[in-house]
Amino acid sequence: MQEHRKQPYIVNCPHCKKPVEWVETNEFRPFCSERCQLIDLGAWAAEEYRIEDPSPIIPDEFEDDLGH
């Protein structure tokens, strides 16, 4: 009987877009290499990426919540 092996899931490296196999042996996943992983980390550290807050605090509402 033949053994049925699943094909590894392929994702694109977030930095260079190179196809990467999503396997446990890839210690840098979802990145293709340590280089791409460190470049991405550096971009976060330099605040090049931001996650927008969908509900900014309006000063008047903030003061009302504090009971002022």
PDB file of N, CA and C in Angstrom:
ATOM      1  N   MET A   1       0.840  -1.176   0.000  1.00  0.00           N
ATOM      2  CA  MET A   1       0.000   0.000   0.000  1.00  0.00           C
ATOM      3  C   MET A   1       0.891   1.247   0.000  1.00  0.00           C
ATOM      4  N   GLN A   2       0.545   2.202  -0.824  1.00  0.00           N
ATOM      5  CA  GLN A   2       1.325   3.430  -0.916  1.00  0.00           C
ATOM      6  C   GLN A   2       0.978   4.381   0.205  1.00  0.00           C
ATOM      7  N   GLU A   3       1.995   5.044   0.700  1.00  0.00           N
ATOM      8  CA  GLU A   3       1.811   6.052   1.737  1.00  0.00           C
ATOM      9  C   GLU A   3       1.458   7.374   1.067  1.00  0.00           C
ATOM     10  N   HIS A   4       0.392   7.987   1.531  1.00  0.00           N
ATOM     11  CA  HIS A   4      -0.043   9.271   0.963  1.00  0.00           C
ATOM     12  C   HIS A   4       0.583  10.393   1.793  1.00  0.00           C
ATOM     13  N   ARG A   5       1.458  11.175   1.182  1.00  0.00           N
ATOM     14  CA  ARG A   5       2.104  12.288   1.869  1.00  0.00           C
ATOM     15  C   ARG A   5       1.443  13.593   1.462  1.00  0.00           C
ATOM     16  N   LYS A   6       1.175  14.410   2.444  1.00  0.00           N
ATOM     17  CA  LYS A   6       0.608  15.725   2.161  1.00  0.00           C
ATOM     18  C   LYS A   6       1.694  16.630   1.608  1.00  0.00           C
ATOM     19  N   GLN A   7       1.312  17.462   0.669  1.00  0.00           N
ATOM     20  CA  GLN A   7       2.226  18.475   0.150  1.00  0.00           C
ATOM     21  C   GLN A   7       2.338  19.572   1.204  1.00  0.00           C
ATOM     22  N   PRO A   8       3.545  20.090   1.429  1.00  0.00           N
ATOM     23  CA  PRO A   8       3.679  21.168   2.422  1.00  0.00           C
ATOM     24  C   PRO A   8       2.948  22.429   1.966  1.00  0.00           C
ATOM     25  N   TYR A   9       2.437  23.149   2.921  1.00  0.00           N
ATOM     26  CA  TYR A   9       1.756  24.409   2.657  1.00  0.00           C
ATOM     27  C   TYR A   9       2.805  25.430   2.240  1.00  0.00           C
ATOM     28  N   ILE A  10       2.551  26.166   1.188  1.00  0.00           N
ATOM     29  CA  ILE A  10       3.484  27.170   0.670  1.00  0.00           C
ATOM     30  C   ILE A  10       2.929  28.564   0.955  1.00  0.00           C
ATOM     31  N   VAL A  11       3.768  29.412   1.548  1.00  0.00           N
ATOM     32  CA  VAL A  11       3.414  30.814   1.787  1.00  0.00           C
ATOM     33  C   VAL A  11       4.497  31.677   1.156  1.00  0.00           C
ATOM     34  N   ASN A  12       4.208  32.926   0.948  1.00  0.00           N
ATOM     35  CA  ASN A  12       5.221  33.858   0.442  1.00  0.00           C
ATOM     36  C   ASN A  12       5.885  34.555   1.615  1.00  0.00           C
ATOM     37  N   CYS A  13       7.195  34.669   1.562  1.00  0.00           N
ATOM     38  CA  CYS A  13       7.943  35.380   2.587  1.00  0.00           C
ATOM     39  C   CYS A  13       7.386  36.802   2.664  1.00  0.00           C
ATOM     40  N   PRO A  14       7.040  37.268   3.866  1.00  0.00           N
ATOM     41  CA  PRO A  14       6.478  38.612   3.989  1.00  0.00           C
ATOM     42  C   PRO A  14       7.406  39.723   3.499  1.00  0.00           C
ATOM     43  N   HIS A  15       8.704  39.458   3.480  1.00  0.00           N
ATOM     44  CA  HIS A  15       9.631  40.507   3.056  1.00  0.00           C
ATOM     45  C   HIS A  15       9.943  40.435   1.566  1.00  0.00           C
ATOM     46  N   CYS A  16      10.476  39.304   1.108  1.00  0.00           N
ATOM     47  CA  CYS A  16      10.947  39.226  -0.284  1.00  0.00           C
ATOM     48  C   CYS A  16       9.970  38.526  -1.228  1.00  0.00           C
ATOM     49  N   LYS A  17       8.906  37.961  -0.683  1.00  0.00           N
ATOM     50  CA  LYS A  17       7.842  37.295  -1.445  1.00  0.00           C
ATOM     51  C   LYS A  17       8.265  35.955  -2.049  1.00  0.00           C
ATOM     52  N   LYS A  18       9.432  35.437  -1.693  1.00  0.00           N
ATOM     53  CA  LYS A  18       9.891  34.133  -2.167  1.00  0.00           C
ATOM     54  C   LYS A  18       8.989  33.043  -1.570  1.00  0.00           C
ATOM     55  N   PRO A  19       8.600  32.021  -2.356  1.00  0.00           N
ATOM     56  CA  PRO A  19       7.791  30.932  -1.805  1.00  0.00           C
ATOM     57  C   PRO A  19       8.553  30.181  -0.708  1.00  0.00           C
ATOM     58  N   VAL A  20       7.857  29.893   0.387  1.00  0.00           N
ATOM     59  CA  VAL A  20       8.450  29.229   1.544  1.00  0.00           C
ATOM     60  C   VAL A  20       7.556  28.071   1.957  1.00  0.00           C
ATOM     61  N   GLU A  21       8.168  26.900   2.207  1.00  0.00           N
ATOM     62  CA  GLU A  21       7.400  25.773   2.721  1.00  0.00           C
ATOM     63  C   GLU A  21       7.140  25.990   4.203  1.00  0.00           C
ATOM     64  N   TRP A  22       5.885  25.847   4.615  1.00  0.00           N
ATOM     65  CA  TRP A  22       5.517  25.997   6.025  1.00  0.00           C
ATOM     66  C   TRP A  22       5.714  24.635   6.681  1.00  0.00           C
ATOM     67  N   VAL A  23       6.943  24.394   7.117  1.00  0.00           N
ATOM     68  CA  VAL A  23       7.303  23.124   7.752  1.00  0.00           C
ATOM     69  C   VAL A  23       8.062  23.411   9.042  1.00  0.00           C
ATOM     70  N   GLU A  24       8.010  22.472   9.982  1.00  0.00           N
ATOM     71  CA  GLU A  24       8.663  22.663  11.274  1.00  0.00           C
ATOM     72  C   GLU A  24      10.167  22.848  11.152  1.00  0.00           C
ATOM     73  N   THR A  25      10.766  22.323  10.120  1.00  0.00           N
ATOM     74  CA  THR A  25      12.211  22.438   9.971  1.00  0.00           C
ATOM     75  C   THR A  25      12.647  23.835   9.544  1.00  0.00           C
ATOM     76  N   ASN A  26      11.715  24.672   9.105  1.00  0.00           N
ATOM     77  CA  ASN A  26      12.046  26.060   8.747  1.00  0.00           C
ATOM     78  C   ASN A  26      11.907  26.921   9.990  1.00  0.00           C
ATOM     79  N   GLU A  27      13.024  27.165  10.676  1.00  0.00           N
ATOM     80  CA  GLU A  27      12.988  27.920  11.924  1.00  0.00           C
ATOM     81  C   GLU A  27      12.640  29.390  11.737  1.00  0.00           C
ATOM     82  N   PHE A  28      12.645  29.882  10.513  1.00  0.00           N
ATOM     83  CA  PHE A  28      12.369  31.296  10.259  1.00  0.00           C
ATOM     84  C   PHE A  28      10.966  31.535   9.706  1.00  0.00           C
ATOM     85  N   ARG A  29      10.166  30.491   9.572  1.00  0.00           N
ATOM     86  CA  ARG A  29       8.837  30.656   8.976  1.00  0.00           C
ATOM     87  C   ARG A  29       8.054  31.739   9.676  1.00  0.00           C
ATOM     88  N   PRO A  30       7.320  32.550   9.037  1.00  0.00           N
ATOM     89  CA  PRO A  30       6.961  32.517   7.626  1.00  0.00           C
ATOM     90  C   PRO A  30       8.002  33.139   6.702  1.00  0.00           C
ATOM     91  N   PHE A  31       9.146  33.517   7.249  1.00  0.00           N
ATOM     92  CA  PHE A  31      10.205  34.116   6.428  1.00  0.00           C
ATOM     93  C   PHE A  31      11.043  33.035   5.777  1.00  0.00           C
ATOM     94  N   CYS A  32      11.722  33.385   4.693  1.00  0.00           N
ATOM     95  CA  CYS A  32      12.551  32.413   3.989  1.00  0.00           C
ATOM     96  C   CYS A  32      13.928  32.274   4.622  1.00  0.00           C
ATOM     97  N   SER A  33      14.339  33.275   5.392  1.00  0.00           N
ATOM     98  CA  SER A  33      15.689  33.252   5.955  1.00  0.00           C
ATOM     99  C   SER A  33      15.764  34.141   7.189  1.00  0.00           C
ATOM    100  N   GLU A  34      16.863  34.000   7.911  1.00  0.00           N
ATOM    101  CA  GLU A  34      17.089  34.859   9.064  1.00  0.00           C
ATOM    102  C   GLU A  34      17.205  36.323   8.623  1.00  0.00           C
ATOM    103  N   ARG A  35      17.793  36.549   7.473  1.00  0.00           N
ATOM    104  CA  ARG A  35      17.962  37.910   6.949  1.00  0.00           C
ATOM    105  C   ARG A  35      16.610  38.610   6.802  1.00  0.00           C
ATOM    106  N   CYS A  36      15.656  37.948   6.144  1.00  0.00           N
ATOM    107  CA  CYS A  36      14.334  38.550   5.949  1.00  0.00           C
ATOM    108  C   CYS A  36      13.627  38.736   7.294  1.00  0.00           C
ATOM    109  N   GLN A  37      13.796  37.792   8.201  1.00  0.00           N
ATOM    110  CA  GLN A  37      13.191  37.900   9.518  1.00  0.00           C
ATOM    111  C   GLN A  37      13.727  39.124  10.270  1.00  0.00           C
ATOM    112  N   LEU A  38      15.048  39.339  10.220  1.00  0.00           N
ATOM    113  CA  LEU A  38      15.652  40.471  10.920  1.00  0.00           C
ATOM    114  C   LEU A  38      15.312  41.810  10.274  1.00  0.00           C
ATOM    115  N   ILE A  39      15.199  41.830   8.950  1.00  0.00           N
ATOM    116  CA  ILE A  39      14.784  43.060   8.270  1.00  0.00           C
ATOM    117  C   ILE A  39      13.382  43.455   8.721  1.00  0.00           C
ATOM    118  N   ASP A  40      12.489  42.473   8.816  1.00  0.00           N
ATOM    119  CA  ASP A  40      11.119  42.736   9.252  1.00  0.00           C
ATOM    120  C   ASP A  40      11.093  43.202  10.708  1.00  0.00           C
ATOM    121  N   LEU A  41      11.874  42.556  11.564  1.00  0.00           N
ATOM    122  CA  LEU A  41      11.947  42.966  12.965  1.00  0.00           C
ATOM    123  C   LEU A  41      12.458  44.402  13.080  1.00  0.00           C
ATOM    124  N   GLY A  42      13.455  44.738  12.281  1.00  0.00           N
ATOM    125  CA  GLY A  42      13.991  46.098  12.280  1.00  0.00           C
ATOM    126  C   GLY A  42      12.953  47.121  11.858  1.00  0.00           C
ATOM    127  N   ALA A  43      12.118  46.754  10.897  1.00  0.00           N
ATOM    128  CA  ALA A  43      11.061  47.671  10.446  1.00  0.00           C
ATOM    129  C   ALA A  43      10.054  47.920  11.567  1.00  0.00           C
ATOM    130  N   TRP A  44       9.711  46.875  12.319  1.00  0.00           N
ATOM    131  CA  TRP A  44       8.814  47.067  13.465  1.00  0.00           C
ATOM    132  C   TRP A  44       9.480  47.954  14.505  1.00  0.00           C
ATOM    133  N   ALA A  45      10.763  47.696  14.801  1.00  0.00           N
ATOM    134  CA  ALA A  45      11.479  48.475  15.816  1.00  0.00           C
ATOM    135  C   ALA A  45      11.601  49.940  15.416  1.00  0.00           C
ATOM    136  N   ALA A  46      11.715  50.200  14.125  1.00  0.00           N
ATOM    137  CA  ALA A  46      11.825  51.571  13.624  1.00  0.00           C
ATOM    138  C   ALA A  46      10.448  52.224  13.442  1.00  0.00           C
ATOM    139  N   GLU A  47       9.403  51.515  13.843  1.00  0.00           N
ATOM    140  CA  GLU A  47       8.020  51.978  13.738  1.00  0.00           C
ATOM    141  C   GLU A  47       7.597  52.281  12.308  1.00  0.00           C
ATOM    142  N   GLU A  48       8.140  51.484  11.363  1.00  0.00           N
ATOM    143  CA  GLU A  48       7.716  51.619   9.972  1.00  0.00           C
ATOM    144  C   GLU A  48       6.349  50.978   9.751  1.00  0.00           C
ATOM    145  N   TYR A  49       5.987  50.023  10.603  1.00  0.00           N
ATOM    146  CA  TYR A  49       4.678  49.381  10.552  1.00  0.00           C
ATOM    147  C   TYR A  49       3.865  49.920  11.719  1.00  0.00           C
ATOM    148  N   ARG A  50       2.585  50.102  11.481  1.00  0.00           N
ATOM    149  CA  ARG A  50       1.703  50.568  12.548  1.00  0.00           C
ATOM    150  C   ARG A  50       0.381  49.829  12.453  1.00  0.00           C
ATOM    151  N   ILE A  51      -0.182  49.568  13.596  1.00  0.00           N
ATOM    152  CA  ILE A  51      -1.518  48.992  13.664  1.00  0.00           C
ATOM    153  C   ILE A  51      -2.432  50.126  14.098  1.00  0.00           C
ATOM    154  N   GLU A  52      -3.339  50.505  13.222  1.00  0.00           N
ATOM    155  CA  GLU A  52      -4.217  51.635  13.496  1.00  0.00           C
ATOM    156  C   GLU A  52      -5.250  51.265  14.552  1.00  0.00           C
ATOM    157  N   ASP A  53      -5.530  52.189  15.440  1.00  0.00           N
ATOM    158  CA  ASP A  53      -6.568  52.029  16.448  1.00  0.00           C
ATOM    159  C   ASP A  53      -7.880  52.506  15.827  1.00  0.00           C
ATOM    160  N   PRO A  54      -8.862  51.625  15.691  1.00  0.00           N
ATOM    161  CA  PRO A  54     -10.112  52.019  15.037  1.00  0.00           C
ATOM    162  C   PRO A  54     -10.963  52.972  15.872  1.00  0.00           C
ATOM    163  N   SER A  55     -10.692  53.085  17.166  1.00  0.00           N
ATOM    164  CA  SER A  55     -11.504  53.965  18.002  1.00  0.00           C
ATOM    165  C   SER A  55     -10.607  54.845  18.872  1.00  0.00           C
ATOM    166  N   PRO A  56     -10.106  55.927  18.300  1.00  0.00           N
ATOM    167  CA  PRO A  56      -9.233  56.811  19.080  1.00  0.00           C
ATOM    168  C   PRO A  56      -9.981  57.421  20.263  1.00  0.00           C
ATOM    169  N   ILE A  57      -9.255  57.679  21.327  1.00  0.00           N
ATOM    170  CA  ILE A  57      -9.858  58.284  22.517  1.00  0.00           C
ATOM    171  C   ILE A  57     -10.022  59.785  22.275  1.00  0.00           C
ATOM    172  N   ILE A  58     -11.227  60.255  22.511  1.00  0.00           N
ATOM    173  CA  ILE A  58     -11.521  61.682  22.401  1.00  0.00           C
ATOM    174  C   ILE A  58     -11.360  62.258  23.809  1.00  0.00           C
ATOM    175  N   PRO A  59     -10.569  63.309  23.985  1.00  0.00           N
ATOM    176  CA  PRO A  59     -10.262  63.827  25.334  1.00  0.00           C
ATOM    177  C   PRO A  59     -11.477  64.030  26.227  1.00  0.00           C
ATOM    178  N   ASP A  60     -12.583  64.586  25.725  1.00  0.00           N
ATOM    179  CA  ASP A  60     -13.764  64.834  26.559  1.00  0.00           C
ATOM    180  C   ASP A  60     -14.344  63.526  27.088  1.00  0.00           C
ATOM    181  N   GLU A  61     -14.391  62.498  26.240  1.00  0.00           N
ATOM    182  CA  GLU A  61     -14.923  61.202  26.660  1.00  0.00           C
ATOM    183  C   GLU A  61     -14.018  60.580  27.712  1.00  0.00           C
ATOM    184  N   PHE A  62     -12.708  60.743  27.574  1.00  0.00           N
ATOM    185  CA  PHE A  62     -11.755  60.177  28.519  1.00  0.00           C
ATOM    186  C   PHE A  62     -11.946  60.804  29.899  1.00  0.00           C
ATOM    187  N   GLU A  63     -12.129  62.101  29.957  1.00  0.00           N
ATOM    188  CA  GLU A  63     -12.315  62.793  31.236  1.00  0.00           C
ATOM    189  C   GLU A  63     -13.618  62.355  31.891  1.00  0.00           C
ATOM    190  N   ASP A  64     -14.697  62.164  31.099  1.00  0.00           N
ATOM    191  CA  ASP A  64     -15.983  61.721  31.642  1.00  0.00           C
ATOM    192  C   ASP A  64     -15.853  60.339  32.268  1.00  0.00           C
ATOM    193  N   ASP A  65     -15.068  59.453  31.672  1.00  0.00           N
ATOM    194  CA  ASP A  65     -14.881  58.096  32.204  1.00  0.00           C
ATOM    195  C   ASP A  65     -14.151  58.117  33.532  1.00  0.00           C
ATOM    196  N   LEU A  66     -13.344  59.139  33.793  1.00  0.00           N
ATOM    197  CA  LEU A  66     -12.611  59.233  35.038  1.00  0.00           C
ATOM    198  C   LEU A  66     -13.434  59.907  36.131  1.00  0.00           C
ATOM    199  N   GLY A  67     -14.599  60.360  35.781  1.00  0.00           N
ATOM    200  CA  GLY A  67     -15.469  61.001  36.751  1.00  0.00           C
ATOM    201  C   GLY A  67     -15.159  62.461  37.005  1.00  0.00           C
ATOM    202  N   HIS A  68     -14.536  63.118  36.069  1.00  0.00           N
ATOM    203  CA  HIS A  68     -14.199  64.541  36.203  1.00  0.00           C
ATOM    204  C   HIS A  68     -15.255  65.409  35.550  1.00  0.00           C
TER     205      HIS A  68
END
